[in-house]
Every structure is written in C-alpha cells, then in structure tokens.
Amino acid sequence: MTKKKKTEPPSVESIMKECEKEVRKGLRKKKVSKAALDYWTDIYTASIDRQLKAKGDTWSKDRVRVLPVARKLGKVAAALTSKGMVLKWAAEAAAVAVRSDPGCPVDPGTGGYCEA
C-alpha cells in the first residue's frame, strides 16, 4: 500500500504565479510598466491572502473561476492601451472592470480573489 503524499496548501505566491501567467496570456504581446505591475501585485497579493485566511484552502475549487478572470484582466488592460505598454491607469481601470465579473468567487462584485 502506498502512502499518499500530503500536499502543501497553495501559498499566496504560488497563486500569484498562476494568475500572472494568465494575465500575461491576456496581454498577448503587450508589456506591463513597473508601476502597473506593482499595483496589481499589491492589490491582488493582499486580496489572495485575505481570501485564503477567510475561507481556508479553497484555491483548488476557485482556480477554475479565477484564472479566466485573470486572463480577462490582461485582455482588458491590453485593450485600454494603444501602445505596447500597459500603464498604471490601464491596470487600475482593468481591475475595476473585472471586479464585478461573476468568475470572482464569493458573490459577483464582492471580489474574493479579485478584490481590489
């Protein structure tokens, strides 16, 4: 009989990495300014941390809904940007736009992982 490996619950950092990959897919070839990246990192790191503490380890269930929203965040930011660089204002506007997406766990509009 083989023993099951006990898996570690996901960390805020590991969830952020997964989300960042999806955001970059949504951005396609557009780059992100340091200010925009810092903005997203600050708000979503805090949001993910709150969500994990409030509900426990639910990332395995919520991932299915959150990752498409992360990709949408990148798409919206890219659409708002006429040049090849997403600036902080576009990152802020995209965060506001996707916050009410039904894919954000908890209740639509309340955030959960998507809370800014």
Protein backbone atom coordinates (compact mmCIF):
# COMPACT_ATOMS: atom_id res chain seq x y z
CA MET A 1 0.00 0.00 0.00
CA THR A 2 1.43 3.36 -0.98
CA LYS A 3 1.09 6.35 1.22
CA LYS A 4 -0.49 9.45 -0.17
CA LYS A 5 1.79 12.42 -0.19
CA LYS A 6 0.43 15.22 1.86
CA THR A 7 0.31 18.22 -0.40
CA GLU A 8 1.04 21.64 0.92
CA PRO A 9 -1.79 24.14 0.67
CA PRO A 10 -1.13 26.73 -2.01
CA SER A 11 0.69 29.85 -0.96
CA VAL A 12 -0.20 33.38 -1.93
CA GLU A 13 2.96 33.40 -4.04
CA SER A 14 2.08 30.22 -5.93
CA ILE A 15 -1.42 31.52 -6.66
CA MET A 16 0.02 34.85 -7.82
CA LYS A 17 2.33 33.00 -10.22
CA GLU A 18 -0.59 31.09 -11.72
CA CYS A 19 -2.61 34.27 -12.07
CA GLU A 20 0.32 36.18 -13.56
CA LYS A 21 0.69 33.57 -16.29
CA GLU A 22 -2.95 34.01 -17.22
CA VAL A 23 -2.74 37.82 -17.15
CA ARG A 24 0.24 37.65 -19.50
CA LYS A 25 -1.73 35.41 -21.86
CA GLY A 26 -4.45 38.04 -21.93
CA LEU A 27 -1.93 40.81 -22.58
CA ARG A 28 -0.60 38.96 -25.60
CA LYS A 29 2.47 40.90 -26.74
CA LYS A 30 1.93 43.99 -24.64
CA LYS A 31 4.35 44.76 -21.84
CA VAL A 32 3.47 45.95 -18.35
CA SER A 33 5.06 49.00 -16.74
CA LYS A 34 6.65 48.57 -13.35
CA ALA A 35 4.02 50.85 -11.79
CA ALA A 36 1.18 48.78 -13.27
CA LEU A 37 2.78 45.50 -12.20
CA ASP A 38 3.38 46.86 -8.69
CA TYR A 39 -0.26 47.99 -8.50
CA TRP A 40 -1.59 44.57 -9.49
CA THR A 41 0.88 42.78 -7.23
CA ASP A 42 -0.05 44.89 -4.21
CA ILE A 43 -3.82 44.63 -4.54
CA TYR A 44 -4.02 41.00 -5.56
CA THR A 45 -1.43 39.73 -3.08
CA ALA A 46 -3.48 41.30 -0.29
CA SER A 47 -6.74 40.03 -1.79
CA ILE A 48 -5.50 36.46 -2.18
CA ASP A 49 -4.06 36.47 1.33
CA ARG A 50 -7.40 37.64 2.77
CA GLN A 51 -9.29 35.05 0.74
CA LEU A 52 -7.09 32.16 1.87
CA LYS A 53 -7.36 33.21 5.50
CA ALA A 54 -11.10 33.77 5.37
CA LYS A 55 -12.11 30.56 3.67
CA GLY A 56 -9.18 28.25 4.17
CA ASP A 57 -7.69 26.34 1.26
CA THR A 58 -10.28 26.74 -1.47
CA TRP A 59 -7.89 27.51 -4.31
CA SER A 60 -8.35 24.03 -5.75
CA LYS A 61 -12.05 24.82 -6.28
CA ASP A 62 -11.77 28.53 -7.05
CA ARG A 63 -8.94 28.21 -9.59
CA VAL A 64 -11.40 27.21 -12.32
CA ARG A 65 -13.20 30.54 -11.98
CA VAL A 66 -10.32 32.83 -11.02
CA LEU A 67 -7.82 32.04 -13.77
CA PRO A 68 -10.16 33.04 -16.64
CA VAL A 69 -10.78 36.32 -14.79
CA ALA A 70 -7.01 36.84 -14.55
CA ARG A 71 -6.75 36.34 -18.31
CA LYS A 72 -9.61 38.79 -18.79
CA LEU A 73 -7.73 41.31 -16.64
CA GLY A 74 -4.87 41.14 -19.12
CA LYS A 75 -7.21 41.42 -22.11
CA VAL A 76 -8.98 44.47 -20.71
CA ALA A 77 -5.70 46.18 -19.81
CA ALA A 78 -4.34 45.45 -23.28
CA ALA A 79 -7.50 46.81 -24.92
CA LEU A 80 -7.18 50.04 -22.95
CA THR A 81 -3.60 50.51 -24.10
CA SER A 82 -2.95 51.98 -27.52
CA LYS A 83 0.81 51.50 -27.40
CA GLY A 84 2.76 48.42 -26.42
CA MET A 85 2.94 49.22 -22.70
CA VAL A 86 0.22 48.86 -20.05
CA LEU A 87 0.48 51.84 -17.75
CA LYS A 88 -0.80 52.06 -14.19
CA TRP A 89 -4.02 53.86 -15.14
CA ALA A 90 -4.92 50.98 -17.50
CA ALA A 91 -4.07 48.43 -14.81
CA GLU A 92 -6.34 50.26 -12.35
CA ALA A 93 -9.19 50.52 -14.87
CA ALA A 94 -8.89 46.85 -15.81
CA ALA A 95 -9.01 45.87 -12.12
CA VAL A 96 -12.20 47.87 -11.67
CA ALA A 97 -13.71 46.35 -14.82
CA VAL A 98 -13.10 42.71 -13.85
CA ARG A 99 -14.03 43.12 -10.18
CA SER A 100 -17.70 42.58 -10.97
CA ASP A 101 -17.06 39.53 -13.12
CA PRO A 102 -19.15 36.55 -11.94
CA GLY A 103 -15.95 34.47 -12.03
CA CYS A 104 -14.66 36.27 -8.97
CA PRO A 105 -15.52 33.87 -6.14
CA VAL A 106 -17.78 34.79 -3.25
CA ASP A 107 -20.54 36.90 -4.83
CA PRO A 108 -20.26 38.78 -8.12
CA GLY A 109 -18.88 42.18 -7.36
CA THR A 110 -17.65 41.43 -3.87
CA GLY A 111 -14.28 40.23 -5.00
CA GLY A 112 -12.81 37.33 -3.15
CA TYR A 113 -9.63 36.74 -5.10
CA CYS A 114 -10.46 39.66 -7.40
CA GLU A 115 -10.99 42.27 -4.70
CA ALA A 116 -9.03 45.47 -5.15
